[in-house]
Amino acid sequence: MSPIALILLMMAIGWLAQRAPLPASVPQRLQWLVIYILLPALVWLSAQRIDWRGDVWLVVLLPWLSGIGAAFLCWLIGRAAGWPRATIACLMLCSALGNTAFLGYPLIRSLLGSDALPTAVIYDQLGSFLLLPTLGLWVTRVYAGSGAALSALAQAKALAIGIVRFPAVHALWIGVLPLAAPEWLRMVAATLAMLLVPIAMLSVGMQIKLVPARRLLAPMTTGLAIKLGLAPLIAAAVLWIAQAPALLAETAILQAAMPPMVTAGAMATNARLDPDLAAALVGYGILIGVLWIPVLAWLL
């Protein structure tokens, strides 16, 4: 079965499971398994293949450029349209942060091959992930009303805590150490990494709402157009100017085009920043993304 078919199948199973008499905490427990076990295994394996060439740092810069730019554009559009503050904040979060791990890794591997995974890991871990406890934290603190005057020290402390608590970051630095891992450990990690896609997509499917309210159509369309269309266009322009190698450029452009991050949607929901819009952006974003990303890869 192709990775795209597997993604759609597991999302469909998760959506059907919403009607089953399951505890409400099941999706969160599955996400815990993904974040603390399966994702670190894949990151550790991929980190051992990273080539730290000079142009790799361009991959680190791109998610910051596109993320901050997307958030600012959503703020401008939201203010001009007169949308509520919570809606604007939700758009800023979900358009800035892409699903570059749960969705990005399997799609990149299936479309560009395993050689592209190290670049995908750099884009995700040093870009998308670090945007979450910085830009993401700032948006939720300001717009949820829990402290617009967040000091630089408090932001730095929150960032440090977020890094320490995120296991994939530790998997990344352990993976780049010049240590020879035993073969049995690599086999265990590879087996766990194979479970990442089905478990993550099952969790996403269990939280998707397929019929958004009419009021959500304009902001949802705006957010997805920026995340799926404008962000990869900006990335392509920067990489073309920098004359980046082909595989690196293709990987970074596809990562820039990934739909909104599941964790960003969860952060918006927890902060009560238009939870219905967050669910629509994540759900529809993934459904559109699994069809759009292969088309974009073909165009490249």
Protein backbone atom coordinates (compact mmCIF):
# COMPACT_ATOMS: atom_id res chain seq x y z
CA MET A 1 0.00 0.00 0.00
CA SER A 2 1.32 3.47 -0.89
CA PRO A 3 1.95 5.94 1.98
CA ILE A 4 -0.75 8.30 0.67
CA ALA A 5 -3.33 5.50 0.56
CA LEU A 6 -2.31 4.46 4.07
CA ILE A 7 -2.72 8.04 5.33
CA LEU A 8 -6.22 8.34 3.86
CA LEU A 9 -7.23 4.88 5.11
CA MET A 10 -6.10 5.49 8.69
CA MET A 11 -7.77 8.91 8.74
CA ALA A 12 -11.00 7.31 7.51
CA ILE A 13 -10.79 4.62 10.19
CA GLY A 14 -10.20 7.30 12.82
CA TRP A 15 -13.17 9.32 11.57
CA LEU A 16 -15.41 6.23 11.74
CA ALA A 17 -14.09 5.51 15.23
CA GLN A 18 -15.64 8.79 16.42
CA ARG A 19 -18.94 6.90 16.51
CA ALA A 20 -17.51 4.09 18.65
CA PRO A 21 -18.00 4.09 22.45
CA LEU A 22 -14.36 4.95 23.12
CA PRO A 23 -12.96 7.17 25.90
CA ALA A 24 -12.54 10.79 24.84
CA SER A 25 -8.87 10.62 25.78
CA VAL A 26 -7.95 8.04 23.12
CA PRO A 27 -6.71 10.56 20.48
CA GLN A 28 -4.54 12.32 23.07
CA ARG A 29 -3.08 8.98 24.22
CA LEU A 30 -2.25 8.08 20.62
CA GLN A 31 -0.57 11.47 20.16
CA TRP A 32 1.47 10.81 23.31
CA LEU A 33 2.66 7.53 21.79
CA VAL A 34 3.62 9.30 18.57
CA ILE A 35 5.43 12.21 20.23
CA TYR A 36 7.30 10.29 22.93
CA ILE A 37 8.07 6.97 21.21
CA LEU A 38 7.52 6.78 17.45
CA LEU A 39 8.67 10.23 16.31
CA PRO A 40 11.96 10.13 18.28
CA ALA A 41 12.74 6.74 16.71
CA LEU A 42 12.38 8.13 13.19
CA VAL A 43 14.29 11.32 14.03
CA TRP A 44 17.16 9.33 15.54
CA LEU A 45 17.48 7.14 12.46
CA SER A 46 17.32 10.08 10.06
CA ALA A 47 19.71 12.29 12.08
CA GLN A 48 22.52 9.77 11.52
CA ARG A 49 22.38 10.59 7.81
CA ILE A 50 22.43 14.40 8.02
CA ASP A 51 25.10 16.07 5.93
CA TRP A 52 25.93 19.35 7.69
CA ARG A 53 26.92 21.28 4.57
CA GLY A 54 26.75 25.06 4.46
CA ASP A 55 23.59 25.14 2.37
CA VAL A 56 21.75 23.02 4.92
CA TRP A 57 21.35 26.09 7.12
CA LEU A 58 19.20 27.59 4.41
CA VAL A 59 16.71 24.84 5.25
CA VAL A 60 16.72 26.05 8.86
CA LEU A 61 16.03 29.64 7.80
CA LEU A 62 13.10 28.89 5.47
CA PRO A 63 10.47 27.80 8.02
CA TRP A 64 11.21 30.90 10.09
CA LEU A 65 10.81 33.19 7.08
CA SER A 66 7.63 31.54 5.84
CA GLY A 67 6.16 31.04 9.33
CA ILE A 68 6.60 34.59 10.56
CA GLY A 69 5.57 35.97 7.16
CA ALA A 70 2.41 33.83 7.08
CA ALA A 71 1.44 34.87 10.62
CA PHE A 72 1.91 38.56 9.79
CA LEU A 73 -0.13 38.22 6.58
CA CYS A 74 -2.97 36.50 8.47
CA TRP A 75 -2.93 39.32 11.01
CA LEU A 76 -3.20 41.93 8.25
CA ILE A 77 -6.01 40.11 6.42
CA GLY A 78 -7.88 39.35 9.63
CA ARG A 79 -7.74 42.96 10.80
CA ALA A 80 -8.90 44.22 7.38
CA ALA A 81 -11.78 41.71 7.32
CA GLY A 82 -12.84 42.53 10.87
CA TRP A 83 -12.55 38.95 12.13
CA PRO A 84 -12.56 38.28 15.89
CA ARG A 85 -9.22 38.26 17.70
CA ALA A 86 -9.53 34.55 18.44
CA THR A 87 -10.05 33.78 14.75
CA ILE A 88 -7.03 35.88 13.76
CA ALA A 89 -4.86 34.19 16.39
CA CYS A 90 -5.95 30.72 15.27
CA LEU A 91 -5.07 31.61 11.68
CA MET A 92 -1.68 32.97 12.73
CA LEU A 93 -0.88 29.74 14.55
CA CYS A 94 -2.09 27.25 11.96
CA SER A 95 -0.75 29.06 8.89
CA ALA A 96 2.71 29.52 10.40
CA LEU A 97 3.24 25.95 11.63
CA GLY A 98 3.24 23.06 9.15
CA ASN A 99 2.70 19.34 9.65
CA THR A 100 6.32 18.67 8.73
CA ALA A 101 6.72 15.58 10.94
CA PHE A 102 3.61 13.38 11.08
CA LEU A 103 2.68 14.13 7.46
CA GLY A 104 5.93 15.56 6.14
CA TYR A 105 8.21 12.61 6.83
CA PRO A 106 6.11 9.90 5.16
CA LEU A 107 5.21 12.07 2.16
CA ILE A 108 8.80 13.20 1.63
CA ARG A 109 10.04 9.62 1.86
CA SER A 110 7.43 8.32 -0.57
CA LEU A 111 7.83 11.14 -3.11
CA LEU A 112 11.57 11.91 -2.96
CA GLY A 113 13.08 8.83 -1.36
CA SER A 114 14.92 8.14 1.90
CA ASP A 115 17.85 10.36 0.89
CA ALA A 116 15.59 13.40 1.38
CA LEU A 117 14.64 12.51 4.98
CA PRO A 118 17.66 14.11 6.71
CA THR A 119 16.81 17.48 5.11
CA ALA A 120 13.17 16.99 6.11
CA VAL A 121 14.25 16.34 9.72
CA ILE A 122 16.34 19.54 9.81
CA TYR A 123 13.43 21.58 8.43
CA ASP A 124 11.10 20.10 11.03
CA GLN A 125 13.26 19.97 14.16
CA LEU A 126 15.24 23.20 13.76
CA GLY A 127 12.43 25.12 12.06
CA SER A 128 8.83 24.05 12.59
CA PHE A 129 9.35 22.64 16.08
CA LEU A 130 11.20 25.68 17.42
CA LEU A 131 8.48 27.97 16.02
CA LEU A 132 5.98 26.20 18.27
CA PRO A 133 7.34 27.32 21.68
CA THR A 134 8.36 30.77 20.36
CA LEU A 135 5.89 32.22 17.87
CA GLY A 136 3.19 29.79 18.96
CA LEU A 137 3.61 30.62 22.64
CA TRP A 138 3.63 34.36 21.94
CA VAL A 139 0.37 34.18 19.95
CA THR A 140 -1.46 32.14 22.58
CA ARG A 141 -0.23 34.31 25.46
CA VAL A 142 -1.21 37.58 23.77
CA TYR A 143 -4.51 36.57 22.20
CA ALA A 144 -5.73 34.28 24.97
CA GLY A 145 -5.28 37.16 27.37
CA SER A 146 -2.73 35.44 29.60
CA GLY A 147 -0.05 38.08 29.38
CA ALA A 148 0.52 40.36 26.42
CA ALA A 149 3.50 41.80 28.26
CA LEU A 150 5.42 38.53 28.24
CA SER A 151 9.03 39.40 29.01
CA ALA A 152 12.01 38.26 26.96
CA LEU A 153 13.21 36.25 29.97
CA ALA A 154 9.86 34.47 30.26
CA GLN A 155 9.89 33.68 26.54
CA ALA A 156 13.43 32.30 26.78
CA LYS A 157 12.47 30.20 29.80
CA ALA A 158 9.40 28.80 28.02
CA LEU A 159 11.52 27.98 24.97
CA ALA A 160 14.13 26.18 27.08
CA ILE A 161 11.47 24.17 28.90
CA GLY A 162 9.80 23.25 25.60
CA ILE A 163 13.09 22.02 24.14
CA VAL A 164 14.00 19.98 27.22
CA ARG A 165 10.59 18.33 27.33
CA PHE A 166 10.43 17.42 23.64
CA PRO A 167 11.98 13.96 23.15
CA ALA A 168 12.56 14.29 19.39
CA VAL A 169 15.09 17.06 20.06
CA HIS A 170 17.14 14.69 22.20
CA ALA A 171 16.82 12.02 19.51
CA LEU A 172 18.22 14.55 17.05
CA TRP A 173 21.40 15.42 18.97
CA ILE A 174 22.00 11.80 19.98
CA GLY A 175 21.64 10.78 16.35
CA VAL A 176 24.31 13.22 15.14
CA LEU A 177 26.86 12.05 17.71
CA PRO A 178 29.66 9.93 16.20
CA LEU A 179 28.53 6.78 17.98
CA ALA A 180 28.05 3.34 16.46
CA ALA A 181 24.61 2.05 17.42
CA PRO A 182 24.09 -1.72 17.76
CA GLU A 183 22.15 -3.32 14.93
CA TRP A 184 19.38 -4.61 17.21
CA LEU A 185 18.69 -1.05 18.41
CA ARG A 186 18.47 0.21 14.84
CA MET A 187 16.03 -2.59 14.00
CA VAL A 188 13.82 -1.70 16.97
CA ALA A 189 13.88 1.99 16.02
CA ALA A 190 13.04 1.17 12.39
CA THR A 191 10.07 -0.96 13.49
CA LEU A 192 8.77 1.82 15.74
CA ALA A 193 9.28 4.42 13.00
CA MET A 194 7.09 2.38 10.63
CA LEU A 195 4.19 2.80 13.06
CA LEU A 196 4.39 6.60 13.03
CA VAL A 197 2.14 7.23 10.02
CA PRO A 198 -0.76 4.88 10.85
CA ILE A 199 -0.93 5.84 14.53
CA ALA A 200 -0.62 9.59 13.90
CA MET A 201 -3.22 9.61 11.11
CA LEU A 202 -5.60 7.48 13.19
CA SER A 203 -5.41 10.11 15.94
CA VAL A 204 -6.01 12.92 13.44
CA GLY A 205 -8.99 11.12 11.93
CA MET A 206 -10.57 10.76 15.36
CA GLN A 207 -10.62 14.56 15.72
CA ILE A 208 -11.65 15.72 12.23
CA LYS A 209 -14.90 17.60 11.69
CA LEU A 210 -15.83 17.33 8.02
CA VAL A 211 -18.67 19.87 7.97
CA PRO A 212 -17.43 23.29 9.13
CA ALA A 213 -19.81 26.14 9.87
CA ARG A 214 -20.41 28.73 7.13
CA ARG A 215 -18.64 31.44 9.10
CA LEU A 216 -15.43 29.40 8.90
CA LEU A 217 -15.25 29.27 5.11
CA ALA A 218 -13.51 32.62 4.53
CA PRO A 219 -10.85 32.32 7.27
CA MET A 220 -10.30 28.61 6.54
CA THR A 221 -9.79 29.30 2.82
CA THR A 222 -7.43 32.17 3.64
CA GLY A 223 -5.32 30.10 6.03
CA LEU A 224 -5.02 27.10 3.71
CA ALA A 225 -4.23 29.28 0.68
CA ILE A 226 -1.38 30.90 2.59
CA LYS A 227 -0.07 27.63 4.07
CA LEU A 228 -0.41 25.37 1.02
CA GLY A 229 0.20 27.94 -1.72
CA LEU A 230 2.06 31.06 -0.68
CA ALA A 231 4.54 29.41 1.72
CA PRO A 232 6.02 27.00 -0.87
CA LEU A 233 6.11 29.81 -3.43
CA ILE A 234 8.24 31.93 -1.07
CA ALA A 235 10.47 28.93 -0.34
CA ALA A 236 10.94 28.24 -4.05
CA ALA A 237 11.94 31.86 -4.70
CA VAL A 238 14.50 31.89 -1.87
CA LEU A 239 16.01 28.55 -2.90
CA TRP A 240 16.17 29.59 -6.56
CA ILE A 241 18.03 32.78 -5.64
CA ALA A 242 20.40 30.79 -3.42
CA GLN A 243 20.90 28.16 -6.17
CA ALA A 244 20.37 25.33 -3.68
CA PRO A 245 20.98 21.70 -4.74
CA ALA A 246 17.99 20.05 -6.39
CA LEU A 247 17.10 17.46 -3.75
CA LEU A 248 17.54 19.94 -0.89
CA ALA A 249 15.37 22.50 -2.69
CA GLU A 250 12.61 20.02 -3.55
CA THR A 251 12.52 18.72 0.03
CA ALA A 252 12.34 22.21 1.55
CA ILE A 253 9.62 23.36 -0.85
CA LEU A 254 7.45 20.32 -0.10
CA GLN A 255 7.97 20.79 3.65
CA ALA A 256 6.95 24.45 3.30
CA ALA A 257 3.74 23.31 1.58
CA MET A 258 2.67 20.90 4.33
CA PRO A 259 -0.77 21.63 5.83
CA PRO A 260 -1.27 23.06 9.34
CA MET A 261 0.40 21.24 12.21
CA VAL A 262 -1.81 19.05 14.39
CA THR A 263 -0.09 20.39 17.51
CA ALA A 264 -0.75 23.98 16.44
CA GLY A 265 -4.44 23.17 16.18
CA ALA A 266 -4.33 21.58 19.62
CA MET A 267 -2.58 24.65 21.03
CA ALA A 268 -5.24 26.94 19.56
CA THR A 269 -7.98 24.72 20.97
CA ASN A 270 -6.45 24.63 24.45
CA ALA A 271 -6.18 28.43 24.43
CA ARG A 272 -9.82 28.73 23.23
CA LEU A 273 -8.73 30.47 20.05
CA ASP A 274 -11.61 29.47 17.75
CA PRO A 275 -11.43 25.66 18.26
CA ASP A 276 -13.86 25.00 15.39
CA LEU A 277 -11.62 26.86 12.95
CA ALA A 278 -8.56 25.01 14.28
CA ALA A 279 -10.22 21.63 13.68
CA ALA A 280 -11.30 22.69 10.18
CA LEU A 281 -7.83 23.96 9.25
CA VAL A 282 -6.11 20.79 10.44
CA GLY A 283 -8.67 18.34 9.07
CA TYR A 284 -9.27 19.89 5.67
CA GLY A 285 -5.62 20.83 5.43
CA ILE A 286 -4.53 17.21 5.69
CA LEU A 287 -7.18 16.01 3.25
CA ILE A 288 -6.17 18.62 0.68
CA GLY A 289 -2.48 18.26 1.46
CA VAL A 290 -2.20 14.54 0.71
CA LEU A 291 -3.54 15.33 -2.78
CA TRP A 292 -1.74 18.64 -3.34
CA ILE A 293 1.76 17.65 -2.19
CA PRO A 294 2.20 14.89 -4.83
CA VAL A 295 1.01 17.33 -7.53
CA LEU A 296 3.52 19.91 -6.31
CA ALA A 297 6.29 17.28 -6.30
CA TRP A 298 5.41 16.42 -9.92
CA LEU A 299 5.53 20.11 -10.89
CA LEU A 300 8.98 20.43 -9.33
